[in-house]
């Protein structure tokens, strides 16, 4: 699985309808009006997200690996 940076994942989730609610430190907090879920994406410069973190975030947003391309 190819990893992406937090910045790249933020762009992808924004395209899927998630709205940036606030930024707390280096974490961007998103909420989707269609779901009762909160998404916290760590954005540390341009560092890639760890695979486990990425998979957990993808599960919440309902993304598949092809969506990251």
PDB file of N, CA and C in Angstrom:
ATOM      1  N   UNK A   1       0.842  -1.179   0.000  1.00  0.00           N
ATOM      2  CA  UNK A   1       0.000   0.000   0.000  1.00  0.00           C
ATOM      3  C   UNK A   1       0.888   1.244   0.000  1.00  0.00           C
ATOM      4  N   UNK A   2       0.537   2.186  -0.855  1.00  0.00           N
ATOM      5  CA  UNK A   2       1.274   3.441  -0.958  1.00  0.00           C
ATOM      6  C   UNK A   2       0.754   4.405   0.103  1.00  0.00           C
ATOM      7  N   UNK A   3       1.658   5.010   0.841  1.00  0.00           N
ATOM      8  CA  UNK A   3       1.248   5.960   1.867  1.00  0.00           C
ATOM      9  C   UNK A   3       1.178   7.367   1.276  1.00  0.00           C
ATOM     10  N   UNK A   4       0.416   8.222   1.922  1.00  0.00           N
ATOM     11  CA  UNK A   4       0.287   9.613   1.490  1.00  0.00           C
ATOM     12  C   UNK A   4       0.526  10.507   2.700  1.00  0.00           C
ATOM     13  N   UNK A   5       0.775  11.774   2.436  1.00  0.00           N
ATOM     14  CA  UNK A   5       0.973  12.717   3.533  1.00  0.00           C
ATOM     15  C   UNK A   5      -0.381  13.156   4.081  1.00  0.00           C
ATOM     16  N   UNK A   6      -0.352  13.759   5.239  1.00  0.00           N
ATOM     17  CA  UNK A   6      -1.579  14.268   5.834  1.00  0.00           C
ATOM     18  C   UNK A   6      -2.226  15.334   4.968  1.00  0.00           C
ATOM     19  N   UNK A   7      -1.391  16.177   4.347  1.00  0.00           N
ATOM     20  CA  UNK A   7      -1.910  17.230   3.458  1.00  0.00           C
ATOM     21  C   UNK A   7      -2.680  16.629   2.288  1.00  0.00           C
ATOM     22  N   UNK A   8      -2.123  15.582   1.687  1.00  0.00           N
ATOM     23  CA  UNK A   8      -2.776  14.940   0.549  1.00  0.00           C
ATOM     24  C   UNK A   8      -4.100  14.308   0.969  1.00  0.00           C
ATOM     25  N   UNK A   9      -4.118  13.676   2.134  1.00  0.00           N
ATOM     26  CA  UNK A   9      -5.349  13.049   2.610  1.00  0.00           C
ATOM     27  C   UNK A   9      -6.405  14.108   2.907  1.00  0.00           C
ATOM     28  N   UNK A  10      -5.992  15.264   3.408  1.00  0.00           N
ATOM     29  CA  UNK A  10      -6.939  16.360   3.662  1.00  0.00           C
ATOM     30  C   UNK A  10      -7.637  16.777   2.371  1.00  0.00           C
ATOM     31  N   UNK A  11      -6.881  16.883   1.292  1.00  0.00           N
ATOM     32  CA  UNK A  11      -7.473  17.257   0.002  1.00  0.00           C
ATOM     33  C   UNK A  11      -8.489  16.209  -0.461  1.00  0.00           C
ATOM     34  N   UNK A  12      -8.154  14.942  -0.272  1.00  0.00           N
ATOM     35  CA  UNK A  12      -9.043  13.861  -0.702  1.00  0.00           C
ATOM     36  C   UNK A  12     -10.347  13.876   0.092  1.00  0.00           C
ATOM     37  N   UNK A  13     -10.257  14.036   1.419  1.00  0.00           N
ATOM     38  CA  UNK A  13     -11.484  14.005   2.223  1.00  0.00           C
ATOM     39  C   UNK A  13     -12.343  15.245   1.979  1.00  0.00           C
ATOM     40  N   UNK A  14     -11.710  16.378   1.676  1.00  0.00           N
ATOM     41  CA  UNK A  14     -12.483  17.584   1.354  1.00  0.00           C
ATOM     42  C   UNK A  14     -13.273  17.384   0.061  1.00  0.00           C
ATOM     43  N   UNK A  15     -12.692  16.670  -0.897  1.00  0.00           N
ATOM     44  CA  UNK A  15     -13.391  16.382  -2.146  1.00  0.00           C
ATOM     45  C   UNK A  15     -14.570  15.440  -1.911  1.00  0.00           C
ATOM     46  N   UNK A  16     -14.526  14.673  -0.828  1.00  0.00           N
ATOM     47  CA  UNK A  16     -15.599  13.724  -0.507  1.00  0.00           C
ATOM     48  C   UNK A  16     -16.670  14.330   0.395  1.00  0.00           C
ATOM     49  N   UNK A  17     -16.583  15.636   0.650  1.00  0.00           N
ATOM     50  CA  UNK A  17     -17.641  16.302   1.403  1.00  0.00           C
ATOM     51  C   UNK A  17     -17.355  16.560   2.873  1.00  0.00           C
ATOM     52  N   UNK A  18     -16.168  16.214   3.345  1.00  0.00           N
ATOM     53  CA  UNK A  18     -15.818  16.477   4.737  1.00  0.00           C
ATOM     54  C   UNK A  18     -15.433  17.948   4.874  1.00  0.00           C
ATOM     55  N   UNK A  19     -15.809  18.562   5.983  1.00  0.00           N
ATOM     56  CA  UNK A  19     -15.591  19.991   6.196  1.00  0.00           C
ATOM     57  C   UNK A  19     -14.623  20.176   7.360  1.00  0.00           C
ATOM     58  N   UNK A  20     -13.607  21.018   7.142  1.00  0.00           N
ATOM     59  CA  UNK A  20     -12.635  21.314   8.195  1.00  0.00           C
ATOM     60  C   UNK A  20     -13.328  22.127   9.281  1.00  0.00           C
ATOM     61  N   UNK A  21     -13.391  21.585  10.486  1.00  0.00           N
ATOM     62  CA  UNK A  21     -14.036  22.255  11.612  1.00  0.00           C
ATOM     63  C   UNK A  21     -13.050  23.127  12.373  1.00  0.00           C
ATOM     64  N   UNK A  22     -11.855  22.579  12.613  1.00  0.00           N
ATOM     65  CA  UNK A  22     -10.843  23.331  13.353  1.00  0.00           C
ATOM     66  C   UNK A  22      -9.488  22.659  13.169  1.00  0.00           C
ATOM     67  N   UNK A  23      -8.467  23.373  13.562  1.00  0.00           N
ATOM     68  CA  UNK A  23      -7.119  22.827  13.573  1.00  0.00           C
ATOM     69  C   UNK A  23      -6.613  22.920  15.004  1.00  0.00           C
ATOM     70  N   UNK A  24      -6.228  21.803  15.554  1.00  0.00           N
ATOM     71  CA  UNK A  24      -5.704  21.758  16.908  1.00  0.00           C
ATOM     72  C   UNK A  24      -4.268  21.275  16.836  1.00  0.00           C
ATOM     73  N   UNK A  25      -3.338  22.190  16.994  1.00  0.00           N
ATOM     74  CA  UNK A  25      -1.931  21.836  16.849  1.00  0.00           C
ATOM     75  C   UNK A  25      -1.663  21.419  15.414  1.00  0.00           C
ATOM     76  N   UNK A  26      -1.175  20.209  15.237  1.00  0.00           N
ATOM     77  CA  UNK A  26      -0.881  19.719  13.890  1.00  0.00           C
ATOM     78  C   UNK A  26      -1.967  18.778  13.376  1.00  0.00           C
ATOM     79  N   UNK A  27      -3.104  18.731  14.052  1.00  0.00           N
ATOM     80  CA  UNK A  27      -4.196  17.846  13.642  1.00  0.00           C
ATOM     81  C   UNK A  27      -5.347  18.653  13.066  1.00  0.00           C
ATOM     82  N   UNK A  28      -5.786  18.254  11.891  1.00  0.00           N
ATOM     83  CA  UNK A  28      -6.927  18.888  11.242  1.00  0.00           C
ATOM     84  C   UNK A  28      -8.158  18.048  11.559  1.00  0.00           C
ATOM     85  N   UNK A  29      -9.172  18.688  12.119  1.00  0.00           N
ATOM     86  CA  UNK A  29     -10.379  17.996  12.557  1.00  0.00           C
ATOM     87  C   UNK A  29     -11.479  18.244  11.530  1.00  0.00           C
ATOM     88  N   UNK A  30     -11.981  17.163  10.933  1.00  0.00           N
ATOM     89  CA  UNK A  30     -13.011  17.236   9.899  1.00  0.00           C
ATOM     90  C   UNK A  30     -14.302  16.609  10.395  1.00  0.00           C
ATOM     91  N   UNK A  31     -15.411  17.109   9.843  1.00  0.00           N
ATOM     92  CA  UNK A  31     -16.716  16.519  10.123  1.00  0.00           C
ATOM     93  C   UNK A  31     -17.498  16.486   8.823  1.00  0.00           C
ATOM     94  N   UNK A  32     -18.293  15.435   8.662  1.00  0.00           N
ATOM     95  CA  UNK A  32     -19.127  15.302   7.477  1.00  0.00           C
ATOM     96  C   UNK A  32     -20.577  15.464   7.905  1.00  0.00           C
ATOM     97  N   UNK A  33     -21.322  16.366   7.256  1.00  0.00           N
ATOM     98  CA  UNK A  33     -22.714  16.574   7.651  1.00  0.00           C
ATOM     99  C   UNK A  33     -23.593  15.331   7.476  1.00  0.00           C
ATOM    100  N   UNK A  34     -23.178  14.388   6.637  1.00  0.00           N
ATOM    101  CA  UNK A  34     -23.969  13.178   6.393  1.00  0.00           C
ATOM    102  C   UNK A  34     -23.724  12.088   7.439  1.00  0.00           C
ATOM    103  N   UNK A  35     -22.629  12.198   8.183  1.00  0.00           N
ATOM    104  CA  UNK A  35     -22.268  11.180   9.170  1.00  0.00           C
ATOM    105  C   UNK A  35     -22.109  11.833  10.534  1.00  0.00           C
ATOM    106  N   UNK A  36     -22.236  11.032  11.564  1.00  0.00           N
ATOM    107  CA  UNK A  36     -22.026  11.534  12.915  1.00  0.00           C
ATOM    108  C   UNK A  36     -20.626  11.126  13.373  1.00  0.00           C
ATOM    109  N   UNK A  37     -19.641  11.391  12.533  1.00  0.00           N
ATOM    110  CA  UNK A  37     -18.273  11.001  12.841  1.00  0.00           C
ATOM    111  C   UNK A  37     -17.354  12.210  12.729  1.00  0.00           C
ATOM    112  N   UNK A  38     -16.277  12.162  13.497  1.00  0.00           N
ATOM    113  CA  UNK A  38     -15.245  13.186  13.462  1.00  0.00           C
ATOM    114  C   UNK A  38     -13.981  12.505  12.945  1.00  0.00           C
ATOM    115  N   UNK A  39     -13.218  13.221  12.147  1.00  0.00           N
ATOM    116  CA  UNK A  39     -11.999  12.685  11.562  1.00  0.00           C
ATOM    117  C   UNK A  39     -10.842  13.597  11.947  1.00  0.00           C
ATOM    118  N   UNK A  40      -9.816  13.044  12.556  1.00  0.00           N
ATOM    119  CA  UNK A  40      -8.646  13.813  12.958  1.00  0.00           C
ATOM    120  C   UNK A  40      -7.451  13.353  12.130  1.00  0.00           C
ATOM    121  N   UNK A  41      -6.949  14.240  11.272  1.00  0.00           N
ATOM    122  CA  UNK A  41      -5.837  13.895  10.387  1.00  0.00           C
ATOM    123  C   UNK A  41      -4.578  14.606  10.867  1.00  0.00           C
ATOM    124  N   UNK A  42      -3.524  13.852  11.220  1.00  0.00           N
ATOM    125  CA  UNK A  42      -2.272  14.494  11.612  1.00  0.00           C
ATOM    126  C   UNK A  42      -1.547  15.035  10.377  1.00  0.00           C
ATOM    127  N   UNK A  43      -1.193  16.309  10.424  1.00  0.00           N
ATOM    128  CA  UNK A  43      -0.484  16.939   9.305  1.00  0.00           C
ATOM    129  C   UNK A  43       0.860  17.420   9.837  1.00  0.00           C
ATOM    130  N   UNK A  44       1.899  16.634   9.610  1.00  0.00           N
ATOM    131  CA  UNK A  44       3.242  16.961  10.069  1.00  0.00           C
ATOM    132  C   UNK A  44       4.116  17.223   8.849  1.00  0.00           C
ATOM    133  N   UNK A  45       4.189  18.488   8.463  1.00  0.00           N
ATOM    134  CA  UNK A  45       4.928  18.912   7.269  1.00  0.00           C
ATOM    135  C   UNK A  45       4.484  18.060   6.084  1.00  0.00           C
ATOM    136  N   UNK A  46       5.403  17.459   5.373  1.00  0.00           N
ATOM    137  CA  UNK A  46       5.032  16.601   4.242  1.00  0.00           C
ATOM    138  C   UNK A  46       5.373  15.142   4.519  1.00  0.00           C
ATOM    139  N   UNK A  47       5.399  14.767   5.793  1.00  0.00           N
ATOM    140  CA  UNK A  47       5.707  13.386   6.154  1.00  0.00           C
ATOM    141  C   UNK A  47       4.524  12.487   5.818  1.00  0.00           C
ATOM    142  N   UNK A  48       4.826  11.307   5.318  1.00  0.00           N
ATOM    143  CA  UNK A  48       3.781  10.331   5.015  1.00  0.00           C
ATOM    144  C   UNK A  48       3.180   9.794   6.307  1.00  0.00           C
ATOM    145  N   UNK A  49       1.898   9.495   6.244  1.00  0.00           N
ATOM    146  CA  UNK A  49       1.215   8.889   7.380  1.00  0.00           C
ATOM    147  C   UNK A  49       1.666   7.442   7.509  1.00  0.00           C
ATOM    148  N   UNK A  50       1.710   6.947   8.735  1.00  0.00           N
ATOM    149  CA  UNK A  50       2.036   5.539   8.934  1.00  0.00           C
ATOM    150  C   UNK A  50       0.886   4.704   8.377  1.00  0.00           C
ATOM    151  N   UNK A  51       1.210   3.520   7.910  1.00  0.00           N
ATOM    152  CA  UNK A  51       0.232   2.667   7.234  1.00  0.00           C
ATOM    153  C   UNK A  51      -0.972   2.368   8.129  1.00  0.00           C
ATOM    154  N   UNK A  52      -0.747   2.058   9.392  1.00  0.00           N
ATOM    155  CA  UNK A  52      -1.856   1.754  10.298  1.00  0.00           C
ATOM    156  C   UNK A  52      -2.778   2.948  10.489  1.00  0.00           C
ATOM    157  N   UNK A  53      -2.198   4.135  10.622  1.00  0.00           N
ATOM    158  CA  UNK A  53      -2.986   5.363  10.763  1.00  0.00           C
ATOM    159  C   UNK A  53      -3.788   5.614   9.501  1.00  0.00           C
ATOM    160  N   UNK A  54      -3.139   5.456   8.359  1.00  0.00           N
ATOM    161  CA  UNK A  54      -3.802   5.677   7.077  1.00  0.00           C
ATOM    162  C   UNK A  54      -4.975   4.712   6.889  1.00  0.00           C
ATOM    163  N   UNK A  55      -4.767   3.435   7.208  1.00  0.00           N
ATOM    164  CA  UNK A  55      -5.842   2.443   7.051  1.00  0.00           C
ATOM    165  C   UNK A  55      -7.031   2.764   7.948  1.00  0.00           C
ATOM    166  N   UNK A  56      -6.766   3.206   9.176  1.00  0.00           N
ATOM    167  CA  UNK A  56      -7.854   3.546  10.099  1.00  0.00           C
ATOM    168  C   UNK A  56      -8.643   4.741   9.574  1.00  0.00           C
ATOM    169  N   UNK A  57      -7.945   5.755   9.057  1.00  0.00           N
ATOM    170  CA  UNK A  57      -8.623   6.931   8.510  1.00  0.00           C
ATOM    171  C   UNK A  57      -9.405   6.573   7.248  1.00  0.00           C
ATOM    172  N   UNK A  58      -8.832   5.702   6.414  1.00  0.00           N
ATOM    173  CA  UNK A  58      -9.519   5.281   5.191  1.00  0.00           C
ATOM    174  C   UNK A  58     -10.808   4.540   5.518  1.00  0.00           C
ATOM    175  N   UNK A  59     -10.801   3.755   6.590  1.00  0.00           N
ATOM    176  CA  UNK A  59     -11.992   3.002   6.991  1.00  0.00           C
ATOM    177  C   UNK A  59     -13.108   3.960   7.407  1.00  0.00           C
ATOM    178  N   UNK A  60     -12.756   5.021   8.126  1.00  0.00           N
ATOM    179  CA  UNK A  60     -13.754   6.000   8.567  1.00  0.00           C
ATOM    180  C   UNK A  60     -14.369   6.724   7.376  1.00  0.00           C
ATOM    181  N   UNK A  61     -13.517   7.106   6.409  1.00  0.00           N
ATOM    182  CA  UNK A  61     -13.971   7.888   5.255  1.00  0.00           C
ATOM    183  C   UNK A  61     -14.546   6.996   4.164  1.00  0.00           C
ATOM    184  N   UNK A  62     -14.354   5.685   4.290  1.00  0.00           N
ATOM    185  CA  UNK A  62     -14.810   4.718   3.297  1.00  0.00           C
ATOM    186  C   UNK A  62     -14.054   4.885   1.982  1.00  0.00           C
ATOM    187  N   UNK A  63     -12.727   4.929   2.093  1.00  0.00           N
ATOM    188  CA  UNK A  63     -11.851   5.024   0.925  1.00  0.00           C
ATOM    189  C   UNK A  63     -11.242   3.659   0.631  1.00  0.00           C
ATOM    190  N   UNK A  64     -10.887   3.450  -0.622  1.00  0.00           N
ATOM    191  CA  UNK A  64     -10.116   2.276  -1.013  1.00  0.00           C
ATOM    192  C   UNK A  64      -8.775   2.772  -1.532  1.00  0.00           C
ATOM    193  N   UNK A  65      -7.841   1.860  -1.689  1.00  0.00           N
ATOM    194  CA  UNK A  65      -6.483   2.243  -2.074  1.00  0.00           C
ATOM    195  C   UNK A  65      -6.451   3.005  -3.398  1.00  0.00           C
ATOM    196  N   UNK A  66      -7.342   2.661  -4.322  1.00  0.00           N
ATOM    197  CA  UNK A  66      -7.361   3.327  -5.627  1.00  0.00           C
ATOM    198  C   UNK A  66      -7.740   4.807  -5.502  1.00  0.00           C
ATOM    199  N   UNK A  67      -8.465   5.174  -4.445  1.00  0.00           N
ATOM    200  CA  UNK A  67      -8.849   6.571  -4.239  1.00  0.00           C
ATOM    201  C   UNK A  67      -7.654   7.450  -3.903  1.00  0.00           C
ATOM    202  N   UNK A  68      -6.553   6.837  -3.468  1.00  0.00           N
ATOM    203  CA  UNK A  68      -5.373   7.602  -3.083  1.00  0.00           C
ATOM    204  C   UNK A  68      -4.490   7.951  -4.269  1.00  0.00           C
ATOM    205  N   UNK A  69      -4.759   7.378  -5.406  1.00  0.00           N
ATOM    206  CA  UNK A  69      -3.918   7.617  -6.582  1.00  0.00           C
ATOM    207  C   UNK A  69      -4.209   8.959  -7.204  1.00  0.00           C
TER     208      UNK A  69
END
